C-alpha atoms as a PDB file:
ATOM      1  CA  MET A   1      -7.576  13.794 -22.639  1.00  0.00           C
ATOM      2  CA  GLY A   2      -4.380  11.871 -23.399  1.00  0.00           C
ATOM      3  CA  GLU A   3      -5.350   8.777 -21.381  1.00  0.00           C
ATOM      4  CA  PHE A   4      -2.228   6.778 -20.584  1.00  0.00           C
ATOM      5  CA  GLU A   5      -2.369   3.372 -22.178  1.00  0.00           C
ATOM      6  CA  ALA A   6       0.428   0.908 -21.783  1.00  0.00           C
ATOM      7  CA  ARG A   7       1.116  -2.540 -23.149  1.00  0.00           C
ATOM      8  CA  TRP A   8       4.065  -4.500 -21.883  1.00  0.00           C
ATOM      9  CA  ASP A   9       5.988  -6.389 -24.523  1.00  0.00           C
ATOM     10  CA  ASP A  10       9.346  -7.817 -23.427  1.00  0.00           C
ATOM     11  CA  SER A  11       9.248  -5.295 -20.556  1.00  0.00           C
ATOM     12  CA  VAL A  12       8.965  -2.296 -22.880  1.00  0.00           C
ATOM     13  CA  MET A  13       6.090   0.159 -22.800  1.00  0.00           C
ATOM     14  CA  GLU A  14       4.582   1.451 -26.031  1.00  0.00           C
ATOM     15  CA  GLU A  15       4.725   5.098 -26.979  1.00  0.00           C
ATOM     16  CA  VAL A  16       2.890   7.496 -24.679  1.00  0.00           C
ATOM     17  CA  GLU A  17       1.026  10.541 -25.976  1.00  0.00           C
ATOM     18  CA  ARG A  18       0.901  13.541 -23.681  1.00  0.00           C
ATOM     19  CA  ALA A  19      -2.235  15.669 -23.345  1.00  0.00           C
ATOM     20  CA  GLU A  20      -2.052  19.290 -24.423  1.00  0.00           C
ATOM     21  CA  ARG A  21      -2.413  21.848 -21.654  1.00  0.00           C
ATOM     22  CA  PRO A  22      -5.508  24.022 -22.137  1.00  0.00           C
ATOM     23  CA  ARG A  23      -4.568  27.607 -23.029  1.00  0.00           C
ATOM     24  CA  ALA A  24      -7.993  29.234 -22.952  1.00  0.00           C
ATOM     25  CA  ALA A  25     -10.497  27.243 -20.891  1.00  0.00           C
ATOM     26  CA  ASP A  26     -12.565  27.439 -17.743  1.00  0.00           C
ATOM     27  CA  GLU A  27     -10.929  26.760 -14.385  1.00  0.00           C
ATOM     28  CA  ARG A  28     -11.961  23.103 -14.050  1.00  0.00           C
ATOM     29  CA  THR A  29     -10.804  22.244 -17.569  1.00  0.00           C
ATOM     30  CA  THR A  30      -7.523  24.090 -17.036  1.00  0.00           C
ATOM     31  CA  LEU A  31      -6.733  22.426 -13.701  1.00  0.00           C
ATOM     32  CA  ALA A  32      -7.776  18.961 -14.926  1.00  0.00           C
ATOM     33  CA  GLY A  33      -5.797  19.475 -18.144  1.00  0.00           C
ATOM     34  CA  PHE A  34      -2.613  20.452 -16.322  1.00  0.00           C
ATOM     35  CA  LEU A  35      -3.003  17.472 -13.988  1.00  0.00           C
ATOM     36  CA  GLN A  36      -3.435  15.127 -16.965  1.00  0.00           C
ATOM     37  CA  PHE A  37      -0.367  16.662 -18.617  1.00  0.00           C
ATOM     38  CA  HIS A  38       1.665  15.800 -15.513  1.00  0.00           C
ATOM     39  CA  ARG A  39       0.227  12.264 -15.367  1.00  0.00           C
ATOM     40  CA  ASP A  40       1.257  11.781 -18.985  1.00  0.00           C
ATOM     41  CA  THR A  41       4.703  13.204 -18.202  1.00  0.00           C
ATOM     42  CA  LEU A  42       5.226  10.530 -15.543  1.00  0.00           C
ATOM     43  CA  ALA A  43       4.259   7.873 -18.093  1.00  0.00           C
ATOM     44  CA  LEU A  44       6.751   9.355 -20.561  1.00  0.00           C
ATOM     45  CA  LYS A  45       9.512   9.168 -17.956  1.00  0.00           C
ATOM     46  CA  CYS A  46       8.817   5.428 -17.643  1.00  0.00           C
ATOM     47  CA  GLU A  47       8.408   4.745 -21.358  1.00  0.00           C
ATOM     48  CA  GLY A  48      10.673   2.145 -22.937  1.00  0.00           C
ATOM     49  CA  LEU A  49      12.272   0.858 -19.727  1.00  0.00           C
ATOM     50  CA  THR A  50      12.474  -2.717 -18.532  1.00  0.00           C
ATOM     51  CA  ALA A  51      10.961  -3.882 -15.266  1.00  0.00           C
ATOM     52  CA  GLU A  52      14.450  -3.952 -13.750  1.00  0.00           C
ATOM     53  CA  GLN A  53      15.129  -0.365 -14.827  1.00  0.00           C
ATOM     54  CA  LEU A  54      11.776   0.844 -13.481  1.00  0.00           C
ATOM     55  CA  GLY A  55      12.592  -0.715 -10.112  1.00  0.00           C
ATOM     56  CA  ARG A  56      16.144   0.633  -9.963  1.00  0.00           C
ATOM     57  CA  LYS A  57      16.965   2.964  -7.075  1.00  0.00           C
ATOM     58  CA  ALA A  58      19.352   5.095  -9.094  1.00  0.00           C
ATOM     59  CA  VAL A  59      20.215   7.732  -6.467  1.00  0.00           C
ATOM     60  CA  PRO A  60      21.545   6.013  -3.322  1.00  0.00           C
ATOM     61  CA  PRO A  61      20.764   6.262  -0.470  1.00  0.00           C
ATOM     62  CA  SER A  62      17.309   7.354  -1.692  1.00  0.00           C
ATOM     63  CA  GLU A  63      14.584   4.707  -1.882  1.00  0.00           C
ATOM     64  CA  LEU A  64      13.082   6.373  -4.971  1.00  0.00           C
ATOM     65  CA  SER A  65      12.569   4.414  -8.158  1.00  0.00           C
ATOM     66  CA  LEU A  66      10.304   5.115 -11.107  1.00  0.00           C
ATOM     67  CA  LEU A  67       8.151   2.123 -10.156  1.00  0.00           C
ATOM     68  CA  GLY A  68       7.982   3.415  -6.588  1.00  0.00           C
ATOM     69  CA  LEU A  69       6.837   6.817  -7.858  1.00  0.00           C
ATOM     70  CA  VAL A  70       4.053   5.182  -9.897  1.00  0.00           C
ATOM     71  CA  ARG A  71       2.907   3.223  -6.834  1.00  0.00           C
ATOM     72  CA  HIS A  72       3.111   6.300  -4.614  1.00  0.00           C
ATOM     73  CA  LEU A  73       1.136   8.469  -7.033  1.00  0.00           C
ATOM     74  CA  ALA A  74      -1.563   5.795  -7.329  1.00  0.00           C
ATOM     75  CA  ASP A  75      -2.032   6.093  -3.564  1.00  0.00           C
ATOM     76  CA  VAL A  76      -1.919   9.886  -3.712  1.00  0.00           C
ATOM     77  CA  GLU A  77      -4.715   9.819  -6.327  1.00  0.00           C
ATOM     78  CA  ARG A  78      -6.667   7.326  -4.216  1.00  0.00           C
ATOM     79  CA  GLY A  79      -6.231   9.289  -1.004  1.00  0.00           C
ATOM     80  CA  TRP A  80      -7.066  12.772  -2.239  1.00  0.00           C
ATOM     81  CA  PHE A  81      -9.856  12.050  -4.702  1.00  0.00           C
ATOM     82  CA  ARG A  82     -11.537   8.908  -3.383  1.00  0.00           C
ATOM     83  CA  ASN A  83     -11.045   9.460   0.334  1.00  0.00           C
ATOM     84  CA  VAL A  84     -10.910  13.220   0.789  1.00  0.00           C
ATOM     85  CA  ILE A  85     -13.306  14.426  -1.931  1.00  0.00           C
ATOM     86  CA  ALA A  86     -15.589  11.383  -2.426  1.00  0.00           C
ATOM     87  CA  GLY A  87     -15.438  10.260   1.233  1.00  0.00           C
ATOM     88  CA  GLU A  88     -14.988   6.580   0.309  1.00  0.00           C
ATOM     89  CA  GLY A  89     -12.622   5.688   3.156  1.00  0.00           C
ATOM     90  CA  VAL A  90     -10.727   3.092   1.109  1.00  0.00           C
ATOM     91  CA  PRO A  91      -7.363   1.921   2.467  1.00  0.00           C
ATOM     92  CA  LEU A  92      -4.214   3.047   0.711  1.00  0.00           C
ATOM     93  CA  ARG A  93      -2.334   0.279  -1.089  1.00  0.00           C
ATOM     94  CA  GLY A  94       1.177   1.424  -0.137  1.00  0.00           C
ATOM     95  CA  GLY A  95       1.075   0.070   3.371  1.00  0.00           C
ATOM     96  CA  THR A  96       1.249   1.692   6.746  1.00  0.00           C
ATOM     97  CA  GLY A  97       4.582   3.502   6.413  1.00  0.00           C
ATOM     98  CA  SER A  98       5.038   7.226   6.549  1.00  0.00           C
ATOM     99  CA  ALA A  99       3.366   9.321   3.864  1.00  0.00           C
ATOM    100  CA  ARG A 100       6.803  10.179   2.481  1.00  0.00           C
ATOM    101  CA  SER A 101       7.851   6.559   1.963  1.00  0.00           C
ATOM    102  CA  MET A 102       4.469   5.010   1.234  1.00  0.00           C
ATOM    103  CA  GLY A 103       4.583   3.165  -2.070  1.00  0.00           C
ATOM    104  CA  PHE A 104       8.262   3.871  -2.714  1.00  0.00           C
ATOM    105  CA  ASP A 105       9.456   0.588  -1.260  1.00  0.00           C
ATOM    106  CA  VAL A 106      10.353  -1.542  -4.266  1.00  0.00           C
ATOM    107  CA  GLU A 107      12.565  -4.600  -3.991  1.00  0.00           C
ATOM    108  CA  GLU A 108      15.132  -3.664  -6.624  1.00  0.00           C
ATOM    109  CA  THR A 109      16.337  -7.140  -7.464  1.00  0.00           C
ATOM    110  CA  GLU A 110      14.245  -9.190  -9.821  1.00  0.00           C
ATOM    111  CA  VAL A 111      11.389  -6.725 -10.313  1.00  0.00           C
ATOM    112  CA  ALA A 112       8.921  -8.818 -12.281  1.00  0.00           C
ATOM    113  CA  GLU A 113       7.138  -7.643 -15.401  1.00  0.00           C
ATOM    114  CA  ALA A 114       3.839  -8.702 -13.779  1.00  0.00           C
ATOM    115  CA  GLU A 115       4.623  -6.472 -10.794  1.00  0.00           C
ATOM    116  CA  VAL A 116       5.193  -3.532 -13.149  1.00  0.00           C
ATOM    117  CA  GLU A 117       2.003  -4.274 -15.105  1.00  0.00           C
ATOM    118  CA  GLU A 118       0.015  -4.391 -11.873  1.00  0.00           C
ATOM    119  CA  ALA A 119       1.472  -1.101 -10.596  1.00  0.00           C
ATOM    120  CA  PHE A 120       0.646   0.691 -13.840  1.00  0.00           C
ATOM    121  CA  ALA A 121      -2.838  -0.880 -13.983  1.00  0.00           C
ATOM    122  CA  VAL A 122      -3.565   0.314 -10.424  1.00  0.00           C
ATOM    123  CA  TRP A 123      -2.236   3.789 -11.236  1.00  0.00           C
ATOM    124  CA  ARG A 124      -4.328   4.032 -14.432  1.00  0.00           C
ATOM    125  CA  GLU A 125      -7.409   2.832 -12.521  1.00  0.00           C
ATOM    126  CA  GLU A 126      -6.916   5.425  -9.785  1.00  0.00           C
ATOM    127  CA  CYS A 127      -6.368   8.186 -12.359  1.00  0.00           C
ATOM    128  CA  GLU A 128      -9.590   7.163 -14.137  1.00  0.00           C
ATOM    129  CA  ARG A 129     -11.545   7.214 -10.866  1.00  0.00           C
ATOM    130  CA  SER A 130     -10.063  10.604 -10.034  1.00  0.00           C
ATOM    131  CA  ARG A 131     -11.126  12.001 -13.416  1.00  0.00           C
ATOM    132  CA  ALA A 132     -14.648  10.641 -12.848  1.00  0.00           C
ATOM    133  CA  ILE A 133     -14.853  12.267  -9.400  1.00  0.00           C
ATOM    134  CA  VAL A 134     -13.730  15.614 -10.839  1.00  0.00           C
ATOM    135  CA  ALA A 135     -16.196  15.361 -13.733  1.00  0.00           C
ATOM    136  CA  ALA A 136     -19.100  14.468 -11.428  1.00  0.00           C
ATOM    137  CA  ALA A 137     -18.434  17.245  -8.907  1.00  0.00           C
ATOM    138  CA  GLU A 138     -21.006  20.010  -8.843  1.00  0.00           C
ATOM    139  CA  SER A 139     -18.242  22.618  -8.775  1.00  0.00           C
ATOM    140  CA  LEU A 140     -14.657  23.195  -7.703  1.00  0.00           C
ATOM    141  CA  ASP A 141     -16.104  24.477  -4.430  1.00  0.00           C
ATOM    142  CA  VAL A 142     -17.083  20.948  -3.346  1.00  0.00           C
ATOM    143  CA  ILE A 143     -15.567  20.408   0.098  1.00  0.00           C
ATOM    144  CA  GLY A 144     -13.845  17.240   1.220  1.00  0.00           C
ATOM    145  CA  VAL A 145     -12.519  16.310   4.614  1.00  0.00           C
ATOM    146  CA  HIS A 146      -8.781  15.857   5.097  1.00  0.00           C
ATOM    147  CA  ARG A 147      -7.160  15.014   8.445  1.00  0.00           C
ATOM    148  CA  THR A 148      -5.979  18.642   8.566  1.00  0.00           C
ATOM    149  CA  GLY A 149      -9.458  20.055   7.948  1.00  0.00           C
ATOM    150  CA  PRO A 150     -11.812  20.900   5.088  1.00  0.00           C
ATOM    151  CA  VAL A 151     -10.393  21.291   1.564  1.00  0.00           C
ATOM    152  CA  SER A 152     -12.024  22.207  -1.730  1.00  0.00           C
ATOM    153  CA  LEU A 153     -11.802  20.228  -4.946  1.00  0.00           C
ATOM    154  CA  ARG A 154      -9.985  23.278  -6.332  1.00  0.00           C
ATOM    155  CA  TYR A 155      -7.326  22.877  -3.642  1.00  0.00           C
ATOM    156  CA  VAL A 156      -7.004  19.136  -4.325  1.00  0.00           C
ATOM    157  CA  LEU A 157      -6.498  19.690  -8.068  1.00  0.00           C
ATOM    158  CA  ALA A 158      -3.867  22.368  -7.434  1.00  0.00           C
ATOM    159  CA  HIS A 159      -2.170  20.143  -4.846  1.00  0.00           C
ATOM    160  CA  MET A 160      -2.148  17.179  -7.241  1.00  0.00           C
ATOM    161  CA  ILE A 161      -0.502  19.307  -9.942  1.00  0.00           C
ATOM    162  CA  GLU A 162       2.108  20.281  -7.350  1.00  0.00           C
ATOM    163  CA  GLU A 163       2.571  16.645  -6.271  1.00  0.00           C
ATOM    164  CA  TYR A 164       3.069  15.375  -9.827  1.00  0.00           C
ATOM    165  CA  ALA A 165       5.349  18.282 -10.757  1.00  0.00           C
ATOM    166  CA  ARG A 166       7.613  17.568  -7.781  1.00  0.00           C
ATOM    167  CA  HIS A 167       7.742  13.836  -8.477  1.00  0.00           C
ATOM    168  CA  ASN A 168       8.205  14.369 -12.209  1.00  0.00           C
ATOM    169  CA  GLY A 169      11.378  16.246 -11.297  1.00  0.00           C
ATOM    170  CA  HIS A 170      12.487  13.170  -9.365  1.00  0.00           C
ATOM    171  CA  ALA A 171      11.481  10.971 -12.324  1.00  0.00           C
ATOM    172  CA  ASP A 172      13.498  13.125 -14.714  1.00  0.00           C
ATOM    173  CA  LEU A 173      16.648  12.692 -12.609  1.00  0.00           C
ATOM    174  CA  LEU A 174      16.066   8.956 -12.146  1.00  0.00           C
ATOM    175  CA  ARG A 175      15.536   8.442 -15.866  1.00  0.00           C
ATOM    176  CA  GLU A 176      18.684  10.362 -16.758  1.00  0.00           C
ATOM    177  CA  LEU A 177      20.723   8.230 -14.359  1.00  0.00           C
ATOM    178  CA  ILE A 178      19.205   5.008 -15.696  1.00  0.00           C
ATOM    179  CA  ASP A 179      19.769   5.531 -19.420  1.00  0.00           C
ATOM    180  CA  GLY A 180      20.744   9.134 -20.086  1.00  0.00           C
ATOM    181  CA  THR A 181      17.325  10.161 -21.421  1.00  0.00           C
ATOM    182  CA  THR A 182      16.401  13.759 -20.612  1.00  0.00           C
ATOM    183  CA  GLY A 183      13.645  16.098 -21.649  1.00  0.00           C
ATOM    184  CA  GLU A 184      10.352  17.622 -20.631  1.00  0.00           C
END
């Protein structure tokens, strides 16, 4: 399913291939396919940028950067799939800030290539674990425990599509401001 693979070479990511959205599939395949499409879209928004560009907060006074979005979405994957659905209770990596700012805090000056590689490696790892949790679930009716109450895997998949879609809109604007690149 269009697994995001990246290799950093002089701070430039290789070409990203986006998964096709399923047009006639069962519910799990459709939801997982749309989520993967949005994951791939985020990778496309980051494709070809330097570490400095990925860390740039292009819309002052906002703290958003593409690198911050990648870090945030790694924690969102970790929180919803590993903690809520799988009940692992692992700490989030973004720190103890508010949910809105968690992971977004990127020191814009001198963003190192290693820092970018680590952020993308963590994100890819969390996406892989999320896919494994979805694949292993008995059904979409599996119930996880969120601080607000019980939620189904179906709800989590729909919420994750919503989360990526919202942040991909942010990523699209950030990318356009960084280098003028636009597109789906």
